[in-house]
Amino acid sequence: MGHAAQRTAFSAEEYLHWETTQLDRHEYLNGEVFAMADADDRHVTVTLNIASALRQHLSGGPCRTYMSDMRLQVAAANAYFYPDVLVTCSLLDRSSPLLKSEPKLLIEVLSPSTAAYDRGQKFGHYRSLPSLEEYTLIDLDTRTTDCYRKGPDGLWVLYPFAPGETVSLASVALEISAAQLFADVLDA
């Protein structure tokens, strides 16, 4: 998460209106607005790699893949986020051109400034989404991937993938090799 905007409090409706007038993206959490941090070359490349693989894999079916410009509403947290990659198969989401609220899969590419938040508080908010089946975190520095999957009992289980391992996204039945995931990624 970025830095708080200068205005002290927004209603969700005020945020949605205000956000349409901004050049930069901002996330919203229960009245506070936060400027999104800039992404570097590695971040954007991995995001594109995974989104492209998902888009190709899901093409022709009911699911859609979106990248970081699509807003996600998390009503239980009174929040709006911009996940790096979002997959939804929802008819409700298909009819909503500006925001989605029923994701099946969310992916965040970690950066030093957001990693703790993405693993902790943001994941806590995401878990309140009944439709969410899988939350995936890609670490650029270690080239590891952590997939959290919701089990039939509602508990979230970690499936870690070490450097070089093929990543399995069970929620959408996609396996992506480490070579494909990290293709064209420059060393830090």
N, C-alpha and C. Protein backbone atom coordinates (compact mmCIF):
# COMPACT_ATOMS: atom_id res chain seq x y z
N MET A 1 0.86 -1.17 0.00
CA MET A 1 0.00 0.00 0.00
C MET A 1 0.90 1.22 0.00
N GLY A 2 0.45 2.26 -0.63
CA GLY A 2 1.23 3.50 -0.76
C GLY A 2 1.03 4.42 0.41
N HIS A 3 1.21 5.69 0.17
CA HIS A 3 1.07 6.72 1.20
C HIS A 3 -0.35 7.26 1.21
N ALA A 4 -0.81 7.69 2.37
CA ALA A 4 -2.17 8.25 2.49
C ALA A 4 -2.26 9.55 1.70
N ALA A 5 -3.41 9.74 1.05
CA ALA A 5 -3.66 10.98 0.32
C ALA A 5 -3.85 12.11 1.32
N GLN A 6 -3.80 13.36 0.85
CA GLN A 6 -3.85 14.50 1.77
C GLN A 6 -5.22 14.68 2.42
N ARG A 7 -6.29 14.38 1.73
CA ARG A 7 -7.61 14.50 2.34
C ARG A 7 -7.74 13.46 3.43
N THR A 8 -8.39 13.78 4.53
CA THR A 8 -8.39 12.89 5.68
C THR A 8 -9.41 11.78 5.63
N ALA A 9 -10.61 12.00 5.10
CA ALA A 9 -11.61 10.94 5.08
C ALA A 9 -12.51 11.07 3.86
N PHE A 10 -12.85 9.92 3.31
CA PHE A 10 -13.74 9.84 2.15
C PHE A 10 -14.82 8.81 2.46
N SER A 11 -16.01 9.02 1.96
CA SER A 11 -16.98 7.93 1.91
C SER A 11 -16.61 7.10 0.69
N ALA A 12 -17.12 5.90 0.59
CA ALA A 12 -16.84 5.07 -0.58
C ALA A 12 -17.31 5.76 -1.86
N GLU A 13 -18.47 6.39 -1.80
CA GLU A 13 -19.00 7.08 -2.98
C GLU A 13 -18.12 8.26 -3.37
N GLU A 14 -17.65 9.03 -2.37
CA GLU A 14 -16.75 10.15 -2.65
C GLU A 14 -15.44 9.66 -3.28
N TYR A 15 -14.93 8.56 -2.73
CA TYR A 15 -13.69 7.99 -3.27
C TYR A 15 -13.88 7.60 -4.74
N LEU A 16 -14.95 6.87 -5.04
CA LEU A 16 -15.18 6.41 -6.41
C LEU A 16 -15.28 7.58 -7.39
N HIS A 17 -15.96 8.64 -6.98
CA HIS A 17 -16.06 9.84 -7.83
C HIS A 17 -14.69 10.52 -7.95
N TRP A 18 -14.03 10.74 -6.84
CA TRP A 18 -12.73 11.41 -6.82
C TRP A 18 -11.69 10.63 -7.63
N GLU A 19 -11.69 9.32 -7.51
CA GLU A 19 -10.69 8.48 -8.19
C GLU A 19 -10.77 8.64 -9.71
N THR A 20 -11.96 8.87 -10.25
CA THR A 20 -12.09 9.04 -11.70
C THR A 20 -11.41 10.31 -12.21
N THR A 21 -11.10 11.25 -11.31
CA THR A 21 -10.47 12.50 -11.72
C THR A 21 -8.96 12.50 -11.51
N GLN A 22 -8.42 11.40 -11.01
CA GLN A 22 -7.01 11.34 -10.65
C GLN A 22 -6.17 10.73 -11.77
N LEU A 23 -4.93 11.20 -11.90
CA LEU A 23 -4.00 10.63 -12.86
C LEU A 23 -3.39 9.33 -12.34
N ASP A 24 -3.17 9.25 -11.04
CA ASP A 24 -2.60 8.05 -10.41
C ASP A 24 -3.72 7.26 -9.74
N ARG A 25 -3.47 5.97 -9.55
CA ARG A 25 -4.45 5.11 -8.88
C ARG A 25 -4.28 5.19 -7.37
N HIS A 26 -5.41 5.02 -6.68
CA HIS A 26 -5.43 5.04 -5.22
C HIS A 26 -6.30 3.91 -4.71
N GLU A 27 -5.85 3.25 -3.65
CA GLU A 27 -6.68 2.25 -2.99
C GLU A 27 -7.44 2.93 -1.87
N TYR A 28 -8.54 2.31 -1.49
CA TYR A 28 -9.44 2.88 -0.47
C TYR A 28 -9.66 1.84 0.61
N LEU A 29 -9.51 2.25 1.86
CA LEU A 29 -9.74 1.35 2.98
C LEU A 29 -10.45 2.10 4.10
N ASN A 30 -11.75 1.84 4.20
CA ASN A 30 -12.56 2.34 5.31
C ASN A 30 -12.37 3.84 5.57
N GLY A 31 -12.47 4.63 4.51
CA GLY A 31 -12.39 6.08 4.66
C GLY A 31 -11.06 6.69 4.30
N GLU A 32 -9.99 5.90 4.29
CA GLU A 32 -8.67 6.41 3.94
C GLU A 32 -8.32 6.05 2.51
N VAL A 33 -7.61 6.94 1.85
CA VAL A 33 -7.19 6.73 0.47
C VAL A 33 -5.67 6.70 0.44
N PHE A 34 -5.13 5.71 -0.30
CA PHE A 34 -3.68 5.52 -0.36
C PHE A 34 -3.22 5.50 -1.81
N ALA A 35 -2.22 6.33 -2.11
CA ALA A 35 -1.63 6.35 -3.45
C ALA A 35 -0.91 5.03 -3.68
N MET A 36 -1.05 4.51 -4.88
CA MET A 36 -0.39 3.26 -5.23
C MET A 36 1.10 3.52 -5.48
N ALA A 37 1.92 2.59 -5.02
CA ALA A 37 3.36 2.69 -5.26
C ALA A 37 3.66 2.40 -6.72
N ASP A 38 4.72 3.01 -7.23
CA ASP A 38 5.14 2.76 -8.61
C ASP A 38 5.71 1.34 -8.72
N ALA A 39 5.52 0.71 -9.87
CA ALA A 39 6.05 -0.62 -10.12
C ALA A 39 7.30 -0.51 -11.00
N ASP A 40 8.26 -1.41 -10.74
CA ASP A 40 9.48 -1.39 -11.55
C ASP A 40 9.36 -2.40 -12.70
N ASP A 41 10.39 -2.46 -13.52
CA ASP A 41 10.41 -3.30 -14.72
C ASP A 41 10.11 -4.77 -14.38
N ARG A 42 10.77 -5.29 -13.34
CA ARG A 42 10.57 -6.70 -12.98
C ARG A 42 9.13 -6.97 -12.58
N HIS A 43 8.57 -6.08 -11.79
CA HIS A 43 7.19 -6.21 -11.32
C HIS A 43 6.21 -6.26 -12.50
N VAL A 44 6.37 -5.31 -13.40
CA VAL A 44 5.46 -5.22 -14.56
C VAL A 44 5.64 -6.43 -15.47
N THR A 45 6.87 -6.89 -15.66
CA THR A 45 7.13 -8.03 -16.54
C THR A 45 6.49 -9.30 -16.00
N VAL A 46 6.68 -9.59 -14.70
CA VAL A 46 6.07 -10.79 -14.11
C VAL A 46 4.55 -10.69 -14.13
N THR A 47 4.02 -9.51 -13.84
CA THR A 47 2.57 -9.33 -13.89
C THR A 47 2.04 -9.62 -15.29
N LEU A 48 2.71 -9.11 -16.30
CA LEU A 48 2.30 -9.38 -17.67
C LEU A 48 2.44 -10.85 -18.02
N ASN A 49 3.52 -11.49 -17.59
CA ASN A 49 3.73 -12.91 -17.88
C ASN A 49 2.60 -13.76 -17.32
N ILE A 50 2.24 -13.56 -16.07
CA ILE A 50 1.20 -14.39 -15.45
C ILE A 50 -0.17 -14.04 -16.01
N ALA A 51 -0.44 -12.77 -16.24
CA ALA A 51 -1.74 -12.37 -16.81
C ALA A 51 -1.90 -12.91 -18.22
N SER A 52 -0.83 -12.88 -19.01
CA SER A 52 -0.89 -13.40 -20.38
C SER A 52 -1.14 -14.91 -20.38
N ALA A 53 -0.46 -15.62 -19.51
CA ALA A 53 -0.67 -17.08 -19.42
C ALA A 53 -2.10 -17.39 -19.00
N LEU A 54 -2.62 -16.65 -18.05
CA LEU A 54 -4.01 -16.85 -17.61
C LEU A 54 -4.99 -16.50 -18.72
N ARG A 55 -4.77 -15.41 -19.39
CA ARG A 55 -5.67 -14.97 -20.46
C ARG A 55 -5.74 -16.02 -21.56
N GLN A 56 -4.58 -16.51 -21.96
CA GLN A 56 -4.54 -17.53 -23.00
C GLN A 56 -5.21 -18.82 -22.53
N HIS A 57 -4.93 -19.23 -21.32
CA HIS A 57 -5.48 -20.47 -20.76
C HIS A 57 -7.01 -20.40 -20.62
N LEU A 58 -7.53 -19.26 -20.25
CA LEU A 58 -8.96 -19.11 -19.97
C LEU A 58 -9.77 -18.64 -21.18
N SER A 59 -9.10 -18.32 -22.26
CA SER A 59 -9.76 -17.79 -23.45
C SER A 59 -10.89 -18.71 -23.92
N GLY A 60 -12.03 -18.10 -24.24
CA GLY A 60 -13.18 -18.84 -24.73
C GLY A 60 -14.09 -19.38 -23.65
N GLY A 61 -13.69 -19.26 -22.41
CA GLY A 61 -14.50 -19.75 -21.30
C GLY A 61 -15.20 -18.61 -20.58
N PRO A 62 -15.82 -18.92 -19.45
CA PRO A 62 -16.57 -17.89 -18.72
C PRO A 62 -15.71 -16.97 -17.86
N CYS A 63 -14.46 -17.31 -17.66
CA CYS A 63 -13.60 -16.52 -16.77
C CYS A 63 -12.85 -15.43 -17.55
N ARG A 64 -12.57 -14.33 -16.84
CA ARG A 64 -11.84 -13.20 -17.42
C ARG A 64 -10.65 -12.86 -16.53
N THR A 65 -9.57 -12.44 -17.18
CA THR A 65 -8.35 -12.04 -16.48
C THR A 65 -8.18 -10.54 -16.61
N TYR A 66 -7.84 -9.89 -15.49
CA TYR A 66 -7.63 -8.44 -15.48
C TYR A 66 -6.30 -8.15 -14.81
N MET A 67 -5.67 -7.06 -15.25
CA MET A 67 -4.43 -6.61 -14.64
C MET A 67 -4.70 -5.43 -13.72
N SER A 68 -3.67 -4.82 -13.26
CA SER A 68 -3.68 -3.88 -12.15
C SER A 68 -4.54 -2.63 -12.29
N ASP A 69 -5.12 -2.37 -13.42
CA ASP A 69 -5.99 -1.20 -13.55
C ASP A 69 -7.45 -1.50 -13.22
N MET A 70 -7.78 -2.76 -12.94
CA MET A 70 -9.15 -3.10 -12.60
C MET A 70 -9.34 -3.04 -11.08
N ARG A 71 -10.32 -2.29 -10.67
CA ARG A 71 -10.61 -2.08 -9.25
C ARG A 71 -11.40 -3.27 -8.70
N LEU A 72 -11.03 -3.69 -7.50
CA LEU A 72 -11.70 -4.78 -6.79
C LEU A 72 -12.38 -4.22 -5.55
N GLN A 73 -13.68 -4.47 -5.41
CA GLN A 73 -14.41 -4.06 -4.22
C GLN A 73 -14.41 -5.21 -3.21
N VAL A 74 -14.03 -4.88 -1.98
CA VAL A 74 -14.12 -5.83 -0.87
C VAL A 74 -15.09 -5.19 0.12
N ALA A 75 -16.36 -5.49 -0.05
CA ALA A 75 -17.42 -4.82 0.71
C ALA A 75 -17.28 -5.02 2.22
N ALA A 76 -16.91 -6.21 2.65
CA ALA A 76 -16.80 -6.50 4.08
C ALA A 76 -15.76 -5.61 4.77
N ALA A 77 -14.78 -5.14 4.03
CA ALA A 77 -13.74 -4.27 4.58
C ALA A 77 -13.96 -2.81 4.23
N ASN A 78 -15.08 -2.51 3.53
CA ASN A 78 -15.31 -1.15 3.04
C ASN A 78 -14.06 -0.67 2.31
N ALA A 79 -13.65 -1.48 1.29
CA ALA A 79 -12.38 -1.23 0.63
C ALA A 79 -12.45 -1.45 -0.87
N TYR A 80 -11.53 -0.77 -1.56
CA TYR A 80 -11.30 -0.96 -3.00
C TYR A 80 -9.80 -1.10 -3.19
N PHE A 81 -9.40 -2.16 -3.89
CA PHE A 81 -7.99 -2.43 -4.14
C PHE A 81 -7.76 -2.58 -5.65
N TYR A 82 -6.49 -2.56 -6.03
CA TYR A 82 -6.07 -2.82 -7.40
C TYR A 82 -5.08 -3.98 -7.37
N PRO A 83 -5.56 -5.22 -7.33
CA PRO A 83 -4.62 -6.34 -7.34
C PRO A 83 -3.84 -6.39 -8.65
N ASP A 84 -2.65 -6.97 -8.60
CA ASP A 84 -1.83 -7.05 -9.82
C ASP A 84 -2.54 -7.86 -10.89
N VAL A 85 -3.15 -8.98 -10.51
CA VAL A 85 -3.91 -9.81 -11.44
C VAL A 85 -5.15 -10.31 -10.71
N LEU A 86 -6.25 -10.32 -11.43
CA LEU A 86 -7.54 -10.74 -10.89
C LEU A 86 -8.21 -11.64 -11.92
N VAL A 87 -8.73 -12.78 -11.49
CA VAL A 87 -9.52 -13.65 -12.36
C VAL A 87 -10.89 -13.78 -11.74
N THR A 88 -11.92 -13.54 -12.56
CA THR A 88 -13.30 -13.71 -12.12
C THR A 88 -14.07 -14.51 -13.16
N CYS A 89 -14.99 -15.32 -12.68
CA CYS A 89 -15.87 -16.11 -13.56
C CYS A 89 -17.32 -15.72 -13.31
N SER A 90 -17.53 -14.62 -12.63
CA SER A 90 -18.83 -14.19 -12.16
C SER A 90 -19.62 -13.44 -13.23
N LEU A 91 -20.91 -13.78 -13.35
CA LEU A 91 -21.80 -13.04 -14.24
C LEU A 91 -22.00 -11.61 -13.74
N LEU A 92 -22.07 -11.45 -12.42
CA LEU A 92 -22.19 -10.10 -11.85
C LEU A 92 -21.00 -9.25 -12.25
N ASP A 93 -19.80 -9.79 -12.13
CA ASP A 93 -18.59 -9.05 -12.51
C ASP A 93 -18.57 -8.75 -14.00
N ARG A 94 -19.06 -9.65 -14.80
CA ARG A 94 -19.06 -9.42 -16.25
C ARG A 94 -19.93 -8.21 -16.60
N SER A 95 -20.98 -7.96 -15.81
CA SER A 95 -21.88 -6.84 -16.08
C SER A 95 -21.41 -5.53 -15.45
N SER A 96 -20.29 -5.56 -14.74
CA SER A 96 -19.77 -4.37 -14.07
C SER A 96 -18.46 -3.93 -14.74
N PRO A 97 -18.49 -2.89 -15.57
CA PRO A 97 -17.30 -2.52 -16.34
C PRO A 97 -16.19 -1.82 -15.54
N LEU A 98 -16.51 -1.23 -14.38
CA LEU A 98 -15.51 -0.43 -13.67
C LEU A 98 -14.93 -1.08 -12.43
N LEU A 99 -15.59 -2.11 -11.91
CA LEU A 99 -15.06 -2.79 -10.74
C LEU A 99 -15.56 -4.21 -10.70
N LYS A 100 -14.81 -5.05 -10.00
CA LYS A 100 -15.17 -6.45 -9.82
C LYS A 100 -15.29 -6.72 -8.32
N SER A 101 -16.11 -7.71 -7.97
CA SER A 101 -16.31 -7.99 -6.54
C SER A 101 -16.37 -9.48 -6.22
N GLU A 102 -16.27 -10.34 -7.23
CA GLU A 102 -16.36 -11.78 -7.00
C GLU A 102 -15.20 -12.53 -7.67
N PRO A 103 -13.96 -12.25 -7.24
CA PRO A 103 -12.82 -12.91 -7.87
C PRO A 103 -12.70 -14.37 -7.44
N LYS A 104 -12.16 -15.16 -8.32
CA LYS A 104 -11.84 -16.56 -8.04
C LYS A 104 -10.37 -16.68 -7.61
N LEU A 105 -9.53 -15.86 -8.26
CA LEU A 105 -8.08 -15.88 -8.04
C LEU A 105 -7.57 -14.44 -7.99
N LEU A 106 -6.73 -14.15 -7.01
CA LEU A 106 -6.04 -12.86 -6.91
C LEU A 106 -4.55 -13.13 -6.82
N ILE A 107 -3.77 -12.30 -7.53
CA ILE A 107 -2.31 -12.44 -7.53
C ILE A 107 -1.69 -11.08 -7.23
N GLU A 108 -0.74 -11.09 -6.32
CA GLU A 108 0.05 -9.89 -6.02
C GLU A 108 1.53 -10.23 -6.27
N VAL A 109 2.21 -9.35 -6.98
CA VAL A 109 3.65 -9.44 -7.17
C VAL A 109 4.26 -8.55 -6.09
N LEU A 110 5.07 -9.16 -5.24
CA LEU A 110 5.57 -8.45 -4.06
C LEU A 110 6.67 -7.46 -4.39
N SER A 111 6.65 -6.35 -3.67
CA SER A 111 7.74 -5.39 -3.71
C SER A 111 8.13 -5.12 -2.25
N PRO A 112 9.36 -4.66 -2.01
CA PRO A 112 9.78 -4.44 -0.62
C PRO A 112 8.84 -3.54 0.17
N SER A 113 8.25 -2.54 -0.48
CA SER A 113 7.40 -1.59 0.25
C SER A 113 6.00 -2.14 0.54
N THR A 114 5.57 -3.19 -0.15
CA THR A 114 4.21 -3.70 0.05
C THR A 114 4.13 -5.14 0.52
N ALA A 115 5.23 -5.85 0.57
CA ALA A 115 5.21 -7.30 0.85
C ALA A 115 4.52 -7.64 2.17
N ALA A 116 4.87 -6.97 3.24
CA ALA A 116 4.27 -7.28 4.54
C ALA A 116 2.77 -7.02 4.52
N TYR A 117 2.36 -5.94 3.92
CA TYR A 117 0.93 -5.60 3.84
C TYR A 117 0.18 -6.63 2.98
N ASP A 118 0.77 -7.00 1.82
CA ASP A 118 0.13 -7.97 0.93
C ASP A 118 -0.03 -9.33 1.62
N ARG A 119 0.97 -9.73 2.40
CA ARG A 119 0.92 -11.02 3.09
C ARG A 119 0.00 -10.99 4.32
N GLY A 120 -0.17 -9.82 4.91
CA GLY A 120 -0.90 -9.72 6.16
C GLY A 120 -2.28 -9.11 6.02
N GLN A 121 -2.37 -7.80 6.25
CA GLN A 121 -3.65 -7.11 6.32
C GLN A 121 -4.45 -7.23 5.02
N LYS A 122 -3.80 -7.07 3.88
CA LYS A 122 -4.53 -7.16 2.61
C LYS A 122 -5.09 -8.57 2.43
N PHE A 123 -4.30 -9.59 2.73
CA PHE A 123 -4.79 -10.97 2.64
C PHE A 123 -5.98 -11.17 3.58
N GLY A 124 -5.93 -10.55 4.75
CA GLY A 124 -7.06 -10.62 5.68
C GLY A 124 -8.33 -10.06 5.05
N HIS A 125 -8.21 -8.95 4.36
CA HIS A 125 -9.38 -8.36 3.68
C HIS A 125 -9.84 -9.26 2.53
N TYR A 126 -8.89 -9.75 1.75
CA TYR A 126 -9.24 -10.61 0.62
C TYR A 126 -9.97 -11.88 1.09
N ARG A 127 -9.58 -12.43 2.23
CA ARG A 127 -10.22 -13.65 2.72
C ARG A 127 -11.70 -13.47 3.01
N SER A 128 -12.16 -12.23 3.15
CA SER A 128 -13.59 -12.00 3.40
C SER A 128 -14.43 -12.13 2.13
N LEU A 129 -13.78 -12.31 0.98
CA LEU A 129 -14.50 -12.47 -0.28
C LEU A 129 -14.96 -13.93 -0.43
N PRO A 130 -16.26 -14.20 -0.37
CA PRO A 130 -16.74 -15.59 -0.44
C PRO A 130 -16.33 -16.32 -1.72
N SER A 131 -16.18 -15.61 -2.82
CA SER A 131 -15.85 -16.23 -4.11
C SER A 131 -14.38 -16.61 -4.23
N LEU A 132 -13.51 -16.02 -3.42
CA LEU A 132 -12.07 -16.21 -3.58
C LEU A 132 -11.66 -17.64 -3.20
N GLU A 133 -10.98 -18.30 -4.14
CA GLU A 133 -10.50 -19.67 -3.93
C GLU A 133 -8.99 -19.73 -3.74
N GLU A 134 -8.28 -18.75 -4.30
CA GLU A 134 -6.82 -18.82 -4.28
C GLU A 134 -6.22 -17.42 -4.28
N TYR A 135 -5.18 -17.25 -3.45
CA TYR A 135 -4.44 -15.99 -3.37
C TYR A 135 -2.98 -16.33 -3.55
N THR A 136 -2.34 -15.70 -4.54
CA THR A 136 -0.98 -16.05 -4.91
C THR A 136 -0.06 -14.84 -4.78
N LEU A 137 1.08 -15.06 -4.15
CA LEU A 137 2.08 -14.02 -3.93
C LEU A 137 3.37 -14.43 -4.63
N ILE A 138 3.86 -13.58 -5.51
CA ILE A 138 5.08 -13.86 -6.26
C ILE A 138 6.19 -12.96 -5.74
N ASP A 139 7.27 -13.56 -5.25
CA ASP A 139 8.39 -12.82 -4.69
C ASP A 139 9.48 -12.69 -5.76
N LEU A 140 9.73 -11.48 -6.22
CA LEU A 140 10.69 -11.24 -7.28
C LEU A 140 12.13 -11.49 -6.84
N ASP A 141 12.44 -11.18 -5.60
CA ASP A 141 13.82 -11.30 -5.13
C ASP A 141 14.24 -12.75 -4.95
N THR A 142 13.35 -13.58 -4.40
CA THR A 142 13.69 -14.99 -4.16
C THR A 142 13.21 -15.90 -5.28
N ARG A 143 12.38 -15.35 -6.17
CA ARG A 143 11.75 -16.11 -7.26
C ARG A 143 10.98 -17.32 -6.72
N THR A 144 10.30 -17.07 -5.60
CA THR A 144 9.41 -18.07 -5.03
C THR A 144 7.98 -17.59 -5.18
N THR A 145 7.06 -18.52 -5.07
CA THR A 145 5.64 -18.20 -5.17
C THR A 145 4.90 -18.92 -4.06
N ASP A 146 4.06 -18.20 -3.34
CA ASP A 146 3.22 -18.78 -2.31
C ASP A 146 1.77 -18.72 -2.77
N CYS A 147 1.14 -19.88 -2.85
CA CYS A 147 -0.28 -19.95 -3.21
C CYS A 147 -1.06 -20.37 -1.97
N TYR A 148 -2.01 -19.56 -1.59
CA TYR A 148 -2.91 -19.90 -0.49
C TYR A 148 -4.23 -20.33 -1.12
N ARG A 149 -4.68 -21.53 -0.76
CA ARG A 149 -5.93 -22.07 -1.30
C ARG A 149 -6.92 -22.31 -0.18
N LYS A 150 -8.16 -21.92 -0.45
CA LYS A 150 -9.23 -22.16 0.53
C LYS A 150 -9.72 -23.59 0.37
N GLY A 151 -9.66 -24.34 1.48
CA GLY A 151 -10.12 -25.72 1.45
C GLY A 151 -11.62 -25.81 1.63
N PRO A 152 -12.17 -27.00 1.47
CA PRO A 152 -13.61 -27.21 1.64
C PRO A 152 -14.11 -26.83 3.04
N ASP A 153 -13.19 -26.85 4.00
CA ASP A 153 -13.55 -26.48 5.38
C ASP A 153 -13.46 -24.98 5.62
N GLY A 154 -13.09 -24.21 4.58
CA GLY A 154 -12.98 -22.77 4.70
C GLY A 154 -11.63 -22.30 5.20
N LEU A 155 -10.74 -23.22 5.54
CA LEU A 155 -9.41 -22.86 6.02
C LEU A 155 -8.47 -22.66 4.83
N TRP A 156 -7.54 -21.71 5.00
CA TRP A 156 -6.58 -21.41 3.94
C TRP A 156 -5.30 -22.20 4.18
N VAL A 157 -4.82 -22.87 3.14
CA VAL A 157 -3.62 -23.71 3.22
C VAL A 157 -2.58 -23.15 2.26
N LEU A 158 -1.33 -23.06 2.74
CA LEU A 158 -0.22 -22.56 1.94
C LEU A 158 0.37 -23.68 1.09
N TYR A 159 0.55 -23.39 -0.21
CA TYR A 159 1.26 -24.26 -1.14
C TYR A 159 2.43 -23.45 -1.69
N PRO A 160 3.64 -23.66 -1.10
CA PRO A 160 4.80 -22.88 -1.54
C PRO A 160 5.49 -23.52 -2.74
N PHE A 161 6.00 -22.68 -3.64
CA PHE A 161 6.75 -23.15 -4.80
C PHE A 161 8.13 -22.51 -4.76
N ALA A 162 9.16 -23.36 -4.74
CA ALA A 162 10.55 -22.91 -4.64
C ALA A 162 11.04 -22.40 -5.99
N PRO A 163 12.20 -21.70 -5.98
CA PRO A 163 12.76 -21.22 -7.25
C PRO A 163 12.91 -22.39 -8.24
N GLY A 164 12.50 -22.16 -9.47
CA GLY A 164 12.64 -23.17 -10.51
C GLY A 164 11.47 -24.13 -10.61
N GLU A 165 10.59 -24.16 -9.62
CA GLU A 165 9.45 -25.07 -9.65
C GLU A 165 8.31 -24.51 -10.49
N THR A 166 7.56 -25.41 -11.11
CA THR A 166 6.35 -25.03 -11.83
C THR A 166 5.28 -24.66 -10.82
N VAL A 167 4.62 -23.54 -11.05
CA VAL A 167 3.57 -23.05 -10.15
C VAL A 167 2.22 -23.58 -10.62
N SER A 168 1.50 -24.17 -9.70
CA SER A 168 0.18 -24.72 -9.99
C SER A 168 -0.89 -23.80 -9.40
N LEU A 169 -1.73 -23.26 -10.28
CA LEU A 169 -2.87 -22.44 -9.84
C LEU A 169 -4.11 -23.32 -9.95
N ALA A 170 -4.45 -23.97 -8.86
CA ALA A 170 -5.52 -24.97 -8.85
C ALA A 170 -6.88 -24.37 -9.16
N SER A 171 -7.12 -23.14 -8.74
CA SER A 171 -8.44 -22.53 -8.93
C SER A 171 -8.83 -22.40 -10.40
N VAL A 172 -7.83 -22.33 -11.27
CA VAL A 172 -8.09 -22.19 -12.71
C VAL A 172 -7.43 -23.29 -13.52
N ALA A 173 -6.91 -24.30 -12.84
CA ALA A 173 -6.28 -25.46 -13.48
C ALA A 173 -5.17 -25.05 -14.46
N LEU A 174 -4.27 -24.18 -13.99
CA LEU A 174 -3.15 -23.74 -14.83
C LEU A 174 -1.84 -24.05 -14.13
N GLU A 175 -0.91 -24.61 -14.90
CA GLU A 175 0.46 -24.78 -14.43
C GLU A 175 1.34 -23.89 -15.29
N ILE A 176 2.18 -23.11 -14.63
CA ILE A 176 3.08 -22.20 -15.34
C ILE A 176 4.50 -22.45 -14.84
N SER A 177 5.39 -22.69 -15.78
CA SER A 177 6.78 -22.98 -15.41
C SER A 177 7.44 -21.72 -14.87
N ALA A 178 8.48 -21.93 -14.08
CA ALA A 178 9.24 -20.80 -13.55
C ALA A 178 9.86 -20.01 -14.71
N ALA A 179 10.29 -20.73 -15.75
CA ALA A 179 10.88 -20.04 -16.91
C ALA A 179 9.87 -19.12 -17.57
N GLN A 180 8.62 -19.56 -17.67
CA GLN A 180 7.58 -18.72 -18.27
C GLN A 180 7.20 -17.57 -17.34
N LEU A 181 7.07 -17.87 -16.05
CA LEU A 181 6.67 -16.85 -15.08
C LEU A 181 7.70 -15.72 -15.00
N PHE A 182 8.99 -16.08 -15.01
CA PHE A 182 10.03 -15.08 -14.86
C PHE A 182 10.75 -14.75 -16.17
N ALA A 183 10.12 -15.06 -17.30
CA ALA A 183 10.72 -14.76 -18.61
C ALA A 183 10.98 -13.25 -18.75
N ASP A 184 12.15 -12.92 -19.23
CA ASP A 184 12.56 -11.55 -19.52
C ASP A 184 12.66 -10.66 -18.28
N VAL A 185 12.71 -11.25 -17.12
CA VAL A 185 12.85 -10.47 -15.87
C VAL A 185 14.32 -10.17 -15.67
N LEU A 186 14.62 -8.90 -15.52
CA LEU A 186 16.00 -8.45 -15.30
C LEU A 186 16.40 -8.74 -13.87
N ASP A 187 17.68 -9.00 -13.65
CA ASP A 187 18.17 -9.17 -12.28
C ASP A 187 18.15 -7.84 -11.56
N ALA A 188 17.92 -7.90 -10.27
CA ALA A 188 17.83 -6.68 -9.45
C ALA A 188 19.16 -5.98 -9.35
